[in-house]
Structure formats: C-alpha cells, structure tokens
N, C-alpha and C. Protein backbone atom coordinates (compact mmCIF):
# COMPACT_ATOMS: atom_id res chain seq x y z
N MET A 1 -7.21 -7.31 -20.06
CA MET A 1 -8.13 -6.85 -19.02
C MET A 1 -7.38 -6.19 -17.87
N THR A 2 -6.27 -6.80 -17.43
CA THR A 2 -5.50 -6.22 -16.33
C THR A 2 -4.91 -4.88 -16.72
N LEU A 3 -4.41 -4.77 -17.94
CA LEU A 3 -3.84 -3.50 -18.41
C LEU A 3 -4.89 -2.40 -18.37
N SER A 4 -6.07 -2.69 -18.88
CA SER A 4 -7.15 -1.72 -18.87
C SER A 4 -7.53 -1.33 -17.45
N ALA A 5 -7.60 -2.32 -16.56
CA ALA A 5 -7.97 -2.06 -15.17
C ALA A 5 -6.96 -1.15 -14.49
N LEU A 6 -5.68 -1.38 -14.72
CA LEU A 6 -4.65 -0.54 -14.11
C LEU A 6 -4.66 0.87 -14.69
N ARG A 7 -4.88 1.00 -15.98
CA ARG A 7 -4.94 2.33 -16.58
C ARG A 7 -6.14 3.12 -16.10
N LYS A 8 -7.27 2.45 -15.96
CA LYS A 8 -8.46 3.14 -15.46
C LYS A 8 -8.27 3.51 -13.98
N GLY A 9 -7.65 2.61 -13.23
CA GLY A 9 -7.42 2.90 -11.82
C GLY A 9 -6.54 4.11 -11.61
N ALA A 10 -5.62 4.35 -12.53
CA ALA A 10 -4.72 5.50 -12.41
C ALA A 10 -5.48 6.83 -12.42
N GLU A 11 -6.71 6.82 -12.91
CA GLU A 11 -7.51 8.04 -12.92
C GLU A 11 -7.85 8.52 -11.52
N PHE A 12 -7.72 7.64 -10.51
CA PHE A 12 -7.99 8.03 -9.14
C PHE A 12 -6.89 8.89 -8.55
N GLY A 13 -5.70 8.86 -9.13
CA GLY A 13 -4.62 9.68 -8.60
C GLY A 13 -3.28 8.98 -8.63
N SER A 14 -2.24 9.68 -8.18
CA SER A 14 -0.87 9.18 -8.33
C SER A 14 -0.62 7.90 -7.54
N PHE A 15 -1.26 7.73 -6.38
CA PHE A 15 -1.03 6.52 -5.61
C PHE A 15 -1.65 5.29 -6.27
N PHE A 16 -2.52 5.50 -7.23
CA PHE A 16 -3.17 4.40 -7.95
C PHE A 16 -2.46 4.07 -9.26
N THR A 17 -1.37 4.74 -9.54
CA THR A 17 -0.72 4.61 -10.84
C THR A 17 0.43 3.61 -10.80
N ILE A 18 0.38 2.64 -11.69
CA ILE A 18 1.50 1.75 -11.94
C ILE A 18 1.82 1.82 -13.43
N ASP A 19 3.04 2.25 -13.76
CA ASP A 19 3.44 2.28 -15.17
C ASP A 19 3.58 0.87 -15.69
N ILE A 20 3.35 0.72 -16.97
CA ILE A 20 3.42 -0.60 -17.60
C ILE A 20 4.40 -0.56 -18.76
N GLY A 21 5.27 -1.57 -18.81
CA GLY A 21 6.07 -1.79 -20.01
C GLY A 21 7.30 -0.94 -20.14
N ALA A 22 7.87 -0.46 -19.05
CA ALA A 22 9.13 0.27 -19.16
C ALA A 22 10.22 -0.66 -19.68
N ASN A 23 11.22 -0.06 -20.33
CA ASN A 23 12.25 -0.89 -20.97
C ASN A 23 13.41 -1.24 -20.05
N GLY A 24 13.26 -0.94 -18.76
CA GLY A 24 14.31 -1.26 -17.81
C GLY A 24 15.14 -0.07 -17.40
N THR A 25 15.29 0.91 -18.28
CA THR A 25 16.08 2.10 -17.97
C THR A 25 15.34 2.96 -16.94
N GLY A 26 16.02 3.25 -15.86
CA GLY A 26 15.42 4.10 -14.83
C GLY A 26 14.59 3.35 -13.82
N TRP A 27 14.58 2.01 -13.90
CA TRP A 27 13.79 1.20 -12.98
C TRP A 27 14.63 0.06 -12.43
N HIS A 28 14.24 -0.46 -11.28
CA HIS A 28 14.91 -1.62 -10.70
C HIS A 28 13.88 -2.44 -9.93
N SER A 29 14.18 -3.70 -9.72
CA SER A 29 13.27 -4.57 -8.98
C SER A 29 13.08 -4.05 -7.56
N VAL A 30 11.84 -3.95 -7.14
CA VAL A 30 11.58 -3.47 -5.78
C VAL A 30 12.14 -4.45 -4.75
N ASN A 31 12.29 -5.71 -5.12
CA ASN A 31 12.87 -6.69 -4.20
C ASN A 31 14.30 -6.33 -3.82
N SER A 32 15.02 -5.68 -4.72
CA SER A 32 16.38 -5.27 -4.38
C SER A 32 16.36 -4.17 -3.33
N ASP A 33 15.35 -3.30 -3.37
CA ASP A 33 15.20 -2.30 -2.32
C ASP A 33 14.95 -2.95 -0.97
N TYR A 34 14.07 -3.96 -0.97
CA TYR A 34 13.79 -4.65 0.29
C TYR A 34 15.06 -5.29 0.85
N ALA A 35 15.83 -5.92 -0.02
CA ALA A 35 17.05 -6.61 0.43
C ALA A 35 18.08 -5.62 0.97
N ARG A 36 18.07 -4.39 0.46
CA ARG A 36 19.02 -3.38 0.92
C ARG A 36 18.48 -2.57 2.10
N GLY A 37 17.36 -2.99 2.63
CA GLY A 37 16.82 -2.31 3.80
C GLY A 37 15.98 -1.09 3.49
N PHE A 38 15.55 -0.96 2.20
CA PHE A 38 14.77 0.21 1.80
C PHE A 38 15.51 1.49 2.17
N THR A 39 16.84 1.41 2.12
CA THR A 39 17.69 2.46 2.68
C THR A 39 17.50 3.81 2.00
N ASP A 40 17.50 3.84 0.68
CA ASP A 40 17.37 5.12 -0.02
C ASP A 40 16.05 5.82 0.29
N PRO A 41 14.89 5.12 0.20
CA PRO A 41 13.64 5.78 0.56
C PRO A 41 13.59 6.22 2.01
N VAL A 42 14.13 5.41 2.92
CA VAL A 42 14.12 5.76 4.34
C VAL A 42 14.92 7.04 4.57
N GLU A 43 16.12 7.10 4.02
CA GLU A 43 16.96 8.28 4.23
C GLU A 43 16.38 9.51 3.56
N ALA A 44 15.85 9.34 2.35
CA ALA A 44 15.26 10.48 1.63
C ALA A 44 14.05 11.02 2.38
N THR A 45 13.24 10.13 2.94
CA THR A 45 12.05 10.56 3.67
C THR A 45 12.43 11.27 4.97
N ALA A 46 13.41 10.73 5.67
CA ALA A 46 13.86 11.39 6.90
C ALA A 46 14.37 12.80 6.60
N THR A 47 15.12 12.94 5.51
CA THR A 47 15.61 14.26 5.11
C THR A 47 14.46 15.19 4.76
N GLN A 48 13.49 14.67 4.02
CA GLN A 48 12.34 15.47 3.62
C GLN A 48 11.59 16.02 4.83
N TYR A 49 11.49 15.22 5.88
CA TYR A 49 10.76 15.64 7.08
C TYR A 49 11.66 16.30 8.12
N GLY A 50 12.92 16.48 7.78
CA GLY A 50 13.82 17.21 8.66
C GLY A 50 14.11 16.53 9.97
N THR A 51 14.27 15.21 9.93
CA THR A 51 14.54 14.47 11.16
C THR A 51 15.76 13.57 10.99
N GLY A 52 16.51 13.42 12.07
CA GLY A 52 17.63 12.49 12.06
C GLY A 52 17.24 11.11 12.54
N GLU A 53 15.97 10.91 12.92
CA GLU A 53 15.50 9.61 13.38
C GLU A 53 15.09 8.76 12.17
N LEU A 54 15.94 7.83 11.81
CA LEU A 54 15.67 7.04 10.62
C LEU A 54 14.44 6.15 10.77
N ARG A 55 14.06 5.82 12.01
CA ARG A 55 12.85 5.00 12.17
C ARG A 55 11.61 5.78 11.74
N ILE A 56 11.65 7.10 11.88
CA ILE A 56 10.54 7.92 11.39
C ILE A 56 10.51 7.88 9.87
N GLY A 57 11.69 8.02 9.25
CA GLY A 57 11.76 7.90 7.80
C GLY A 57 11.29 6.55 7.32
N ALA A 58 11.66 5.49 8.08
CA ALA A 58 11.24 4.14 7.70
C ALA A 58 9.72 4.00 7.78
N SER A 59 9.12 4.51 8.85
CA SER A 59 7.67 4.40 9.01
C SER A 59 6.93 5.13 7.90
N ILE A 60 7.32 6.35 7.63
CA ILE A 60 6.62 7.15 6.63
C ILE A 60 6.84 6.59 5.22
N ALA A 61 8.08 6.15 4.93
CA ALA A 61 8.35 5.58 3.60
C ALA A 61 7.58 4.28 3.41
N GLN A 62 7.52 3.45 4.44
CA GLN A 62 6.77 2.19 4.33
C GLN A 62 5.28 2.45 4.17
N LEU A 63 4.76 3.44 4.89
CA LEU A 63 3.34 3.79 4.75
C LEU A 63 3.02 4.22 3.33
N GLY A 64 3.87 5.07 2.75
CA GLY A 64 3.63 5.51 1.38
C GLY A 64 3.73 4.38 0.38
N HIS A 65 4.68 3.48 0.60
CA HIS A 65 4.83 2.34 -0.32
C HIS A 65 3.62 1.42 -0.20
N ALA A 66 3.14 1.21 1.01
CA ALA A 66 1.95 0.38 1.21
C ALA A 66 0.76 0.97 0.47
N ALA A 67 0.62 2.29 0.52
CA ALA A 67 -0.49 2.94 -0.19
C ALA A 67 -0.39 2.72 -1.69
N ARG A 68 0.83 2.73 -2.22
CA ARG A 68 1.02 2.53 -3.66
C ARG A 68 0.81 1.07 -4.08
N LEU A 69 0.83 0.17 -3.12
CA LEU A 69 0.52 -1.23 -3.41
C LEU A 69 -0.99 -1.48 -3.33
N TRP A 70 -1.60 -1.07 -2.22
CA TRP A 70 -3.03 -1.32 -2.03
C TRP A 70 -3.88 -0.59 -3.07
N SER A 71 -3.54 0.65 -3.37
CA SER A 71 -4.46 1.51 -4.13
C SER A 71 -4.78 0.97 -5.52
N PRO A 72 -3.78 0.70 -6.37
CA PRO A 72 -4.12 0.18 -7.70
C PRO A 72 -4.76 -1.20 -7.66
N LEU A 73 -4.36 -2.00 -6.67
CA LEU A 73 -4.92 -3.34 -6.56
C LEU A 73 -6.41 -3.27 -6.21
N LEU A 74 -6.77 -2.46 -5.22
CA LEU A 74 -8.17 -2.33 -4.84
C LEU A 74 -9.01 -1.74 -5.96
N ALA A 75 -8.46 -0.76 -6.67
CA ALA A 75 -9.20 -0.15 -7.77
C ALA A 75 -9.49 -1.17 -8.86
N ALA A 76 -8.52 -2.03 -9.15
CA ALA A 76 -8.72 -3.05 -10.19
C ALA A 76 -9.73 -4.09 -9.75
N VAL A 77 -9.66 -4.49 -8.49
CA VAL A 77 -10.60 -5.50 -7.98
C VAL A 77 -12.02 -4.96 -7.96
N LEU A 78 -12.19 -3.76 -7.40
CA LEU A 78 -13.54 -3.21 -7.22
C LEU A 78 -14.15 -2.72 -8.53
N GLY A 79 -13.32 -2.17 -9.39
CA GLY A 79 -13.85 -1.60 -10.62
C GLY A 79 -13.93 -2.54 -11.80
N HIS A 80 -13.08 -3.60 -11.77
CA HIS A 80 -12.97 -4.44 -12.97
C HIS A 80 -12.94 -5.93 -12.67
N GLY A 81 -13.00 -6.33 -11.41
CA GLY A 81 -12.99 -7.75 -11.09
C GLY A 81 -11.69 -8.44 -11.43
N VAL A 82 -10.57 -7.71 -11.32
CA VAL A 82 -9.26 -8.26 -11.66
C VAL A 82 -8.30 -8.03 -10.51
N VAL A 83 -7.51 -9.05 -10.18
CA VAL A 83 -6.44 -8.91 -9.19
C VAL A 83 -5.11 -8.84 -9.94
N PRO A 84 -4.47 -7.68 -10.01
CA PRO A 84 -3.20 -7.58 -10.72
C PRO A 84 -2.09 -8.38 -10.05
N ASP A 85 -1.20 -8.92 -10.85
CA ASP A 85 -0.05 -9.66 -10.35
C ASP A 85 1.08 -8.66 -10.09
N LEU A 86 1.44 -8.45 -8.83
CA LEU A 86 2.46 -7.48 -8.46
C LEU A 86 3.81 -8.12 -8.14
N ARG A 87 3.99 -9.38 -8.51
CA ARG A 87 5.21 -10.07 -8.10
C ARG A 87 6.46 -9.56 -8.79
N ARG A 88 6.35 -9.00 -9.98
CA ARG A 88 7.52 -8.52 -10.70
C ARG A 88 7.64 -7.00 -10.64
N LEU A 89 7.14 -6.44 -9.59
CA LEU A 89 7.07 -4.99 -9.47
C LEU A 89 8.45 -4.35 -9.47
N GLU A 90 8.54 -3.21 -10.14
CA GLU A 90 9.76 -2.43 -10.18
C GLU A 90 9.51 -1.04 -9.59
N ARG A 91 10.59 -0.39 -9.16
CA ARG A 91 10.49 0.94 -8.56
C ARG A 91 11.41 1.89 -9.33
N ALA A 92 10.99 3.13 -9.45
CA ALA A 92 11.79 4.11 -10.17
C ALA A 92 13.10 4.37 -9.43
N ASP A 93 14.18 4.58 -10.19
CA ASP A 93 15.47 4.88 -9.59
C ASP A 93 15.44 6.21 -8.84
N ASP A 94 14.55 7.11 -9.26
CA ASP A 94 14.58 8.46 -8.71
C ASP A 94 13.37 8.80 -7.85
N GLY A 95 12.62 7.81 -7.38
CA GLY A 95 11.46 8.14 -6.56
C GLY A 95 10.56 6.95 -6.32
N PRO A 96 9.34 7.21 -5.82
CA PRO A 96 8.48 6.12 -5.37
C PRO A 96 7.59 5.49 -6.44
N ARG A 97 7.64 5.98 -7.67
CA ARG A 97 6.75 5.42 -8.71
C ARG A 97 7.03 3.94 -8.92
N LEU A 98 5.97 3.21 -9.29
CA LEU A 98 6.06 1.77 -9.49
C LEU A 98 5.76 1.41 -10.94
N CYS A 99 6.27 0.25 -11.35
CA CYS A 99 6.11 -0.18 -12.74
C CYS A 99 6.04 -1.70 -12.79
N LEU A 100 5.32 -2.22 -13.77
CA LEU A 100 5.31 -3.64 -14.09
C LEU A 100 5.78 -3.82 -15.53
N PRO A 101 6.68 -4.77 -15.78
CA PRO A 101 7.11 -5.00 -17.16
C PRO A 101 5.95 -5.33 -18.08
N THR A 102 5.04 -6.16 -17.59
CA THR A 102 3.82 -6.51 -18.33
C THR A 102 2.66 -6.56 -17.34
N ALA A 103 1.46 -6.39 -17.87
CA ALA A 103 0.27 -6.43 -17.03
C ALA A 103 -0.38 -7.80 -17.11
N SER A 104 -0.49 -8.46 -15.97
CA SER A 104 -1.17 -9.74 -15.93
C SER A 104 -1.86 -9.85 -14.57
N GLY A 105 -2.74 -10.84 -14.44
CA GLY A 105 -3.45 -11.00 -13.19
C GLY A 105 -4.48 -12.09 -13.27
N TRP A 106 -5.43 -12.05 -12.36
CA TRP A 106 -6.45 -13.09 -12.26
C TRP A 106 -7.83 -12.45 -12.15
N HIS A 107 -8.81 -13.06 -12.78
CA HIS A 107 -10.19 -12.65 -12.57
C HIS A 107 -10.62 -13.07 -11.16
N THR A 108 -11.40 -12.22 -10.53
CA THR A 108 -11.84 -12.54 -9.17
C THR A 108 -12.75 -13.75 -9.19
N GLY A 109 -12.59 -14.61 -8.18
CA GLY A 109 -13.40 -15.81 -8.04
C GLY A 109 -14.09 -15.83 -6.70
N PRO A 110 -14.14 -16.98 -6.02
CA PRO A 110 -14.75 -17.06 -4.70
C PRO A 110 -14.13 -16.04 -3.75
N GLU A 111 -14.97 -15.39 -2.94
CA GLU A 111 -14.53 -14.25 -2.15
C GLU A 111 -13.36 -14.58 -1.23
N ASP A 112 -13.40 -15.70 -0.54
CA ASP A 112 -12.31 -16.04 0.38
C ASP A 112 -11.00 -16.20 -0.36
N GLN A 113 -11.03 -16.82 -1.54
CA GLN A 113 -9.81 -17.00 -2.31
C GLN A 113 -9.27 -15.65 -2.78
N VAL A 114 -10.15 -14.75 -3.16
CA VAL A 114 -9.72 -13.43 -3.61
C VAL A 114 -9.06 -12.68 -2.46
N MET A 115 -9.67 -12.73 -1.28
CA MET A 115 -9.10 -12.04 -0.12
C MET A 115 -7.73 -12.60 0.23
N ASP A 116 -7.61 -13.91 0.20
CA ASP A 116 -6.31 -14.53 0.48
C ASP A 116 -5.27 -14.08 -0.53
N LEU A 117 -5.65 -14.04 -1.80
CA LEU A 117 -4.73 -13.64 -2.85
C LEU A 117 -4.28 -12.19 -2.67
N ILE A 118 -5.23 -11.30 -2.37
CA ILE A 118 -4.89 -9.89 -2.17
C ILE A 118 -3.97 -9.72 -0.97
N TYR A 119 -4.32 -10.35 0.14
CA TYR A 119 -3.50 -10.25 1.35
C TYR A 119 -2.09 -10.76 1.08
N ASP A 120 -2.00 -11.93 0.47
CA ASP A 120 -0.68 -12.51 0.20
C ASP A 120 0.12 -11.63 -0.75
N MET A 121 -0.55 -11.05 -1.76
CA MET A 121 0.14 -10.25 -2.76
C MET A 121 0.81 -9.03 -2.12
N VAL A 122 0.08 -8.36 -1.25
CA VAL A 122 0.60 -7.12 -0.67
C VAL A 122 1.40 -7.36 0.59
N VAL A 123 0.80 -8.04 1.56
CA VAL A 123 1.44 -8.17 2.87
C VAL A 123 2.61 -9.15 2.83
N ARG A 124 2.33 -10.37 2.40
CA ARG A 124 3.40 -11.38 2.41
C ARG A 124 4.40 -11.16 1.26
N GLY A 125 3.89 -10.72 0.12
CA GLY A 125 4.77 -10.57 -1.03
C GLY A 125 5.63 -9.34 -1.02
N HIS A 126 5.18 -8.27 -0.34
CA HIS A 126 5.93 -7.02 -0.37
C HIS A 126 6.22 -6.43 1.01
N LEU A 127 5.20 -6.24 1.82
CA LEU A 127 5.42 -5.50 3.07
C LEU A 127 6.23 -6.28 4.09
N GLU A 128 6.06 -7.60 4.14
CA GLU A 128 6.86 -8.38 5.08
C GLU A 128 8.33 -8.46 4.66
N PRO A 129 8.65 -8.67 3.36
CA PRO A 129 10.06 -8.59 2.96
C PRO A 129 10.67 -7.21 3.21
N LEU A 130 9.88 -6.15 2.99
CA LEU A 130 10.37 -4.81 3.28
C LEU A 130 10.72 -4.69 4.75
N ALA A 131 9.80 -5.11 5.62
CA ALA A 131 10.03 -5.00 7.07
C ALA A 131 11.23 -5.84 7.50
N ALA A 132 11.35 -7.03 6.93
CA ALA A 132 12.45 -7.92 7.33
C ALA A 132 13.81 -7.34 6.97
N GLY A 133 13.85 -6.53 5.93
CA GLY A 133 15.14 -5.99 5.49
C GLY A 133 15.53 -4.68 6.15
N LEU A 134 14.62 -4.02 6.84
CA LEU A 134 14.92 -2.71 7.43
C LEU A 134 16.15 -2.78 8.34
N ARG A 135 17.00 -1.77 8.25
CA ARG A 135 18.21 -1.73 9.06
C ARG A 135 18.05 -0.80 10.26
N VAL A 136 16.86 -0.30 10.45
CA VAL A 136 16.54 0.46 11.65
C VAL A 136 15.41 -0.27 12.37
N LYS A 137 15.37 -0.14 13.68
CA LYS A 137 14.38 -0.87 14.47
C LYS A 137 13.05 -0.13 14.46
N VAL A 138 12.03 -0.76 13.90
CA VAL A 138 10.67 -0.23 13.91
C VAL A 138 9.76 -1.35 14.39
N ALA A 139 8.89 -1.05 15.33
CA ALA A 139 8.02 -2.08 15.90
C ALA A 139 7.17 -2.72 14.81
N PRO A 140 7.11 -4.04 14.75
CA PRO A 140 6.28 -4.70 13.74
C PRO A 140 4.82 -4.25 13.78
N GLY A 141 4.29 -4.04 14.99
CA GLY A 141 2.91 -3.60 15.09
C GLY A 141 2.67 -2.26 14.43
N LEU A 142 3.64 -1.37 14.52
CA LEU A 142 3.53 -0.07 13.86
C LEU A 142 3.47 -0.24 12.34
N LEU A 143 4.34 -1.10 11.81
CA LEU A 143 4.37 -1.30 10.36
C LEU A 143 3.09 -1.96 9.85
N TYR A 144 2.57 -2.93 10.62
CA TYR A 144 1.29 -3.51 10.21
C TYR A 144 0.16 -2.49 10.37
N GLY A 145 0.27 -1.63 11.37
CA GLY A 145 -0.71 -0.55 11.50
C GLY A 145 -0.67 0.39 10.31
N ASN A 146 0.54 0.68 9.82
CA ASN A 146 0.67 1.48 8.60
C ASN A 146 -0.01 0.78 7.42
N ALA A 147 0.21 -0.53 7.32
CA ALA A 147 -0.39 -1.29 6.23
C ALA A 147 -1.91 -1.22 6.29
N ALA A 148 -2.47 -1.35 7.50
CA ALA A 148 -3.91 -1.27 7.68
C ALA A 148 -4.43 0.12 7.34
N SER A 149 -3.71 1.14 7.79
CA SER A 149 -4.10 2.52 7.52
C SER A 149 -4.09 2.81 6.02
N ALA A 150 -3.03 2.36 5.34
CA ALA A 150 -2.93 2.59 3.89
C ALA A 150 -4.04 1.88 3.14
N LEU A 151 -4.40 0.69 3.61
CA LEU A 151 -5.51 -0.06 3.01
C LEU A 151 -6.81 0.72 3.13
N ALA A 152 -7.12 1.18 4.33
CA ALA A 152 -8.36 1.92 4.54
C ALA A 152 -8.38 3.21 3.73
N GLU A 153 -7.24 3.89 3.66
CA GLU A 153 -7.19 5.15 2.91
C GLU A 153 -7.39 4.91 1.42
N ALA A 154 -6.86 3.80 0.90
CA ALA A 154 -7.09 3.47 -0.51
C ALA A 154 -8.57 3.26 -0.76
N GLY A 155 -9.23 2.51 0.13
CA GLY A 155 -10.67 2.31 -0.01
C GLY A 155 -11.43 3.62 0.10
N ARG A 156 -11.01 4.48 1.01
CA ARG A 156 -11.71 5.76 1.19
C ARG A 156 -11.58 6.63 -0.05
N ALA A 157 -10.41 6.65 -0.67
CA ALA A 157 -10.22 7.44 -1.89
C ALA A 157 -11.11 6.93 -3.02
N ILE A 158 -11.25 5.62 -3.11
CA ILE A 158 -12.11 5.04 -4.15
C ILE A 158 -13.57 5.42 -3.91
N VAL A 159 -14.01 5.32 -2.66
CA VAL A 159 -15.40 5.65 -2.34
C VAL A 159 -15.68 7.13 -2.58
N ALA A 160 -14.72 7.98 -2.28
CA ALA A 160 -14.90 9.42 -2.50
C ALA A 160 -15.10 9.72 -3.98
N ALA A 161 -14.36 9.01 -4.83
CA ALA A 161 -14.47 9.24 -6.27
C ALA A 161 -15.63 8.48 -6.90
N ARG A 162 -15.96 7.31 -6.35
CA ARG A 162 -17.01 6.46 -6.91
C ARG A 162 -17.93 6.01 -5.78
N PRO A 163 -18.87 6.85 -5.33
CA PRO A 163 -19.74 6.49 -4.21
C PRO A 163 -20.51 5.20 -4.41
N GLY A 164 -20.77 4.83 -5.66
CA GLY A 164 -21.49 3.60 -5.93
C GLY A 164 -20.72 2.35 -5.53
N LEU A 165 -19.42 2.50 -5.28
CA LEU A 165 -18.60 1.36 -4.86
C LEU A 165 -18.47 1.27 -3.34
N ALA A 166 -19.23 2.09 -2.62
CA ALA A 166 -19.08 2.14 -1.16
C ALA A 166 -19.32 0.79 -0.50
N ALA A 167 -20.38 0.11 -0.88
CA ALA A 167 -20.70 -1.16 -0.23
C ALA A 167 -19.64 -2.22 -0.49
N PRO A 168 -19.27 -2.49 -1.76
CA PRO A 168 -18.23 -3.50 -1.97
C PRO A 168 -16.87 -3.08 -1.42
N ALA A 169 -16.57 -1.78 -1.45
CA ALA A 169 -15.29 -1.31 -0.91
C ALA A 169 -15.24 -1.54 0.59
N THR A 170 -16.34 -1.28 1.28
CA THR A 170 -16.38 -1.49 2.72
C THR A 170 -16.22 -2.96 3.06
N ARG A 171 -16.88 -3.84 2.31
CA ARG A 171 -16.73 -5.27 2.56
C ARG A 171 -15.30 -5.72 2.34
N LEU A 172 -14.72 -5.26 1.27
CA LEU A 172 -13.35 -5.67 0.93
C LEU A 172 -12.36 -5.19 2.00
N VAL A 173 -12.42 -3.91 2.33
CA VAL A 173 -11.49 -3.37 3.32
C VAL A 173 -11.69 -4.01 4.68
N THR A 174 -12.95 -4.14 5.10
CA THR A 174 -13.23 -4.73 6.41
C THR A 174 -12.75 -6.16 6.50
N ASP A 175 -12.95 -6.93 5.44
CA ASP A 175 -12.49 -8.32 5.43
C ASP A 175 -10.97 -8.37 5.54
N LEU A 176 -10.29 -7.57 4.75
CA LEU A 176 -8.83 -7.58 4.79
C LEU A 176 -8.29 -7.13 6.14
N LEU A 177 -8.96 -6.19 6.78
CA LEU A 177 -8.52 -5.72 8.09
C LEU A 177 -8.67 -6.79 9.16
N GLY A 178 -9.42 -7.83 8.86
CA GLY A 178 -9.58 -8.94 9.80
C GLY A 178 -8.71 -10.13 9.49
N ARG A 179 -7.77 -9.96 8.59
CA ARG A 179 -6.92 -11.08 8.17
C ARG A 179 -5.49 -10.94 8.70
N GLY A 180 -4.95 -12.07 9.09
CA GLY A 180 -3.54 -12.15 9.42
C GLY A 180 -3.07 -11.07 10.37
N ALA A 181 -1.95 -10.49 10.04
CA ALA A 181 -1.32 -9.50 10.92
C ALA A 181 -2.02 -8.15 10.91
N LEU A 182 -3.01 -7.95 10.03
CA LEU A 182 -3.76 -6.70 10.03
C LEU A 182 -4.84 -6.69 11.10
N THR A 183 -5.15 -7.85 11.64
CA THR A 183 -6.21 -7.97 12.64
C THR A 183 -5.88 -7.12 13.87
N GLY A 184 -6.84 -6.33 14.29
CA GLY A 184 -6.67 -5.53 15.49
C GLY A 184 -5.86 -4.27 15.33
N LYS A 185 -5.47 -3.92 14.11
CA LYS A 185 -4.64 -2.73 13.91
C LYS A 185 -5.46 -1.46 13.70
N GLY A 186 -6.77 -1.59 13.75
CA GLY A 186 -7.63 -0.41 13.62
C GLY A 186 -9.01 -0.82 13.18
N ALA A 187 -9.88 0.18 13.05
CA ALA A 187 -11.27 -0.10 12.70
C ALA A 187 -11.82 1.00 11.82
N VAL A 188 -12.68 0.62 10.90
CA VAL A 188 -13.43 1.57 10.09
C VAL A 188 -14.48 2.21 10.98
N THR A 189 -14.58 3.53 10.94
CA THR A 189 -15.46 4.25 11.88
C THR A 189 -16.58 5.02 11.22
N SER A 190 -16.68 4.96 9.88
CA SER A 190 -17.76 5.69 9.22
C SER A 190 -18.02 5.08 7.85
N PRO A 191 -19.18 5.38 7.24
CA PRO A 191 -19.51 4.81 5.93
C PRO A 191 -18.53 5.22 4.82
N ASP A 192 -17.81 6.32 5.02
CA ASP A 192 -16.85 6.73 4.00
C ASP A 192 -15.46 6.14 4.24
N LEU A 193 -15.39 5.13 5.12
CA LEU A 193 -14.18 4.38 5.43
C LEU A 193 -13.13 5.20 6.19
N ALA A 194 -13.58 6.17 6.98
CA ALA A 194 -12.66 6.78 7.94
C ALA A 194 -12.15 5.67 8.86
N PHE A 195 -10.93 5.82 9.31
CA PHE A 195 -10.25 4.72 10.00
C PHE A 195 -9.53 5.23 11.23
N ARG A 196 -9.67 4.53 12.34
CA ARG A 196 -8.90 4.83 13.54
C ARG A 196 -8.00 3.64 13.84
N ARG A 197 -6.70 3.92 13.88
CA ARG A 197 -5.74 2.86 14.09
C ARG A 197 -5.39 2.72 15.56
N THR A 198 -4.78 1.60 15.90
CA THR A 198 -4.43 1.31 17.29
C THR A 198 -2.93 1.43 17.55
N THR A 199 -2.16 1.78 16.52
CA THR A 199 -0.73 1.99 16.68
C THR A 199 -0.38 3.37 16.17
N CYS A 200 0.76 3.88 16.60
CA CYS A 200 1.15 5.24 16.21
C CYS A 200 2.07 5.21 15.00
N ARG A 201 1.86 6.11 14.08
CA ARG A 201 2.65 6.11 12.84
C ARG A 201 3.91 6.96 12.94
N LEU A 202 4.14 7.65 14.06
CA LEU A 202 5.31 8.48 14.34
C LEU A 202 5.28 9.84 13.67
N TYR A 203 4.21 10.18 12.95
CA TYR A 203 4.13 11.53 12.38
C TYR A 203 4.21 12.59 13.48
N TYR A 204 3.69 12.26 14.65
CA TYR A 204 3.63 13.27 15.72
C TYR A 204 5.01 13.78 16.10
N ARG A 205 6.06 13.02 15.76
CA ARG A 205 7.40 13.45 16.12
C ARG A 205 7.97 14.49 15.16
N VAL A 206 7.31 14.65 14.02
CA VAL A 206 7.79 15.67 13.07
C VAL A 206 6.70 16.66 12.68
N LEU A 207 5.43 16.31 12.92
CA LEU A 207 4.32 17.19 12.57
C LEU A 207 3.37 17.30 13.74
N ASP A 208 2.70 18.41 13.85
CA ASP A 208 1.75 18.62 14.93
C ASP A 208 0.41 18.01 14.53
N GLU A 209 0.33 16.66 14.60
CA GLU A 209 -0.88 15.96 14.19
C GLU A 209 -1.32 15.01 15.30
N ALA A 210 -2.57 14.57 15.22
CA ALA A 210 -3.06 13.53 16.14
C ALA A 210 -2.23 12.26 15.92
N LYS A 211 -2.02 11.51 17.00
CA LYS A 211 -1.13 10.37 16.91
C LYS A 211 -1.70 9.20 16.11
N CYS A 212 -2.99 8.95 16.25
CA CYS A 212 -3.51 7.70 15.71
C CYS A 212 -4.72 7.88 14.80
N ASP A 213 -5.42 8.98 14.86
CA ASP A 213 -6.62 9.16 14.06
C ASP A 213 -6.26 9.54 12.65
N ASP A 214 -6.60 8.67 11.68
CA ASP A 214 -6.29 8.97 10.29
C ASP A 214 -7.36 9.84 9.64
C-alpha cells in the first residue's frame, strides 16, 4: 500500500517523488548529510544563486529539502490514508532526489496520533537534525518558517491538482501549522492554501521578491 501511495503521489511532480529500492550505488543516508552540516547542498545552492553568503544557501537548501519531505508524505496521507516511514531516507550523491530502500508505513488512525506521527517524522526526524548540524548561523525561527512554508506549499500543490482534497488538505495543513515549533510561523490566507509567513526566507538578498509572502 505504501509503495502504491508513493508512486501515485509522484504524479504531482518532482517534489513529490521518492525513488524506491535503489541498490545503494549513487545514494547515501541523508543522516550523514545532516551530520556533515548539509555542507554540499548549502554550498551548491549558494553557488547556484550567485551569493557568497552561505546562510542564504543554507536557508534555500533547507527549504527545498523540507518541501521534498512534506510533499510525498502529505500526498500519501491525503490520497491513500498511509503515512510513509521516512526514517531510512537516502539522498542522491549528485543532487536533491530522495530514495527509500523499501516502502513501508502506517495506515492512518486517530487524527491526533496521525498528526503527531507526521510532525515527528518530518520536523523531529529530519529538519531538526539538519538544523542542528548546520555549520553556518541561521536563525531557528527562519528555518521553522521555511518548514511551515514548505508544508503549506505542498498542500497547495495537492489542492491545485486535486480540488476534491481541499477540505482535508486544509485541515491537515492547518493542524500541523499549530503544532510544536511550527506554531506562529505563518497562516493560511485563502481556500487554495496560500500562505503568509512571519519570518523571512532570505530570498530577497538574491532575488527581487517580496520578503515574506509566499
């Protein structure tokens, strides 16, 4: 069931895609990236955006990674009633793609338990270890704001593709935005899950964009 849910979720786009069953070649445990300070993605992102400020690279790389965590998980939960197990997640040696050796997970149960499981899987299991390992100083509130923004954007992409999921997607995203360190980092502002955050993502330092409106 989890394998099917992840494969169907990949139809939403690249941020929803998790490869399954790679033989190890070309992949490594994402936990090793966290322990090394996410250094390669941070430096590559800073170079891509033409900036010498590594904290900008860290913010943008973390935001993209958060989107790749939330997106397939939300698609599986909303579309198939399955919470994928992301604990053994691997990352491509040459880029941001993600992989799981095998597909496993849990059927959704009582709503509070599901929300706790999702929050713990993404925030405590991945984003907090990533933040703890960073070797450049980035405000924790900014990183949690990125996590909240990526969550809302994942929900918005799902609703855009599957309008019939608008109501459950809104409940799911809104509930998660009120949990733990995501609380107060922004608010959903429209039925299509447009989101206004309360922290700055630092894009304004490399692109001529609004600071906080996603």
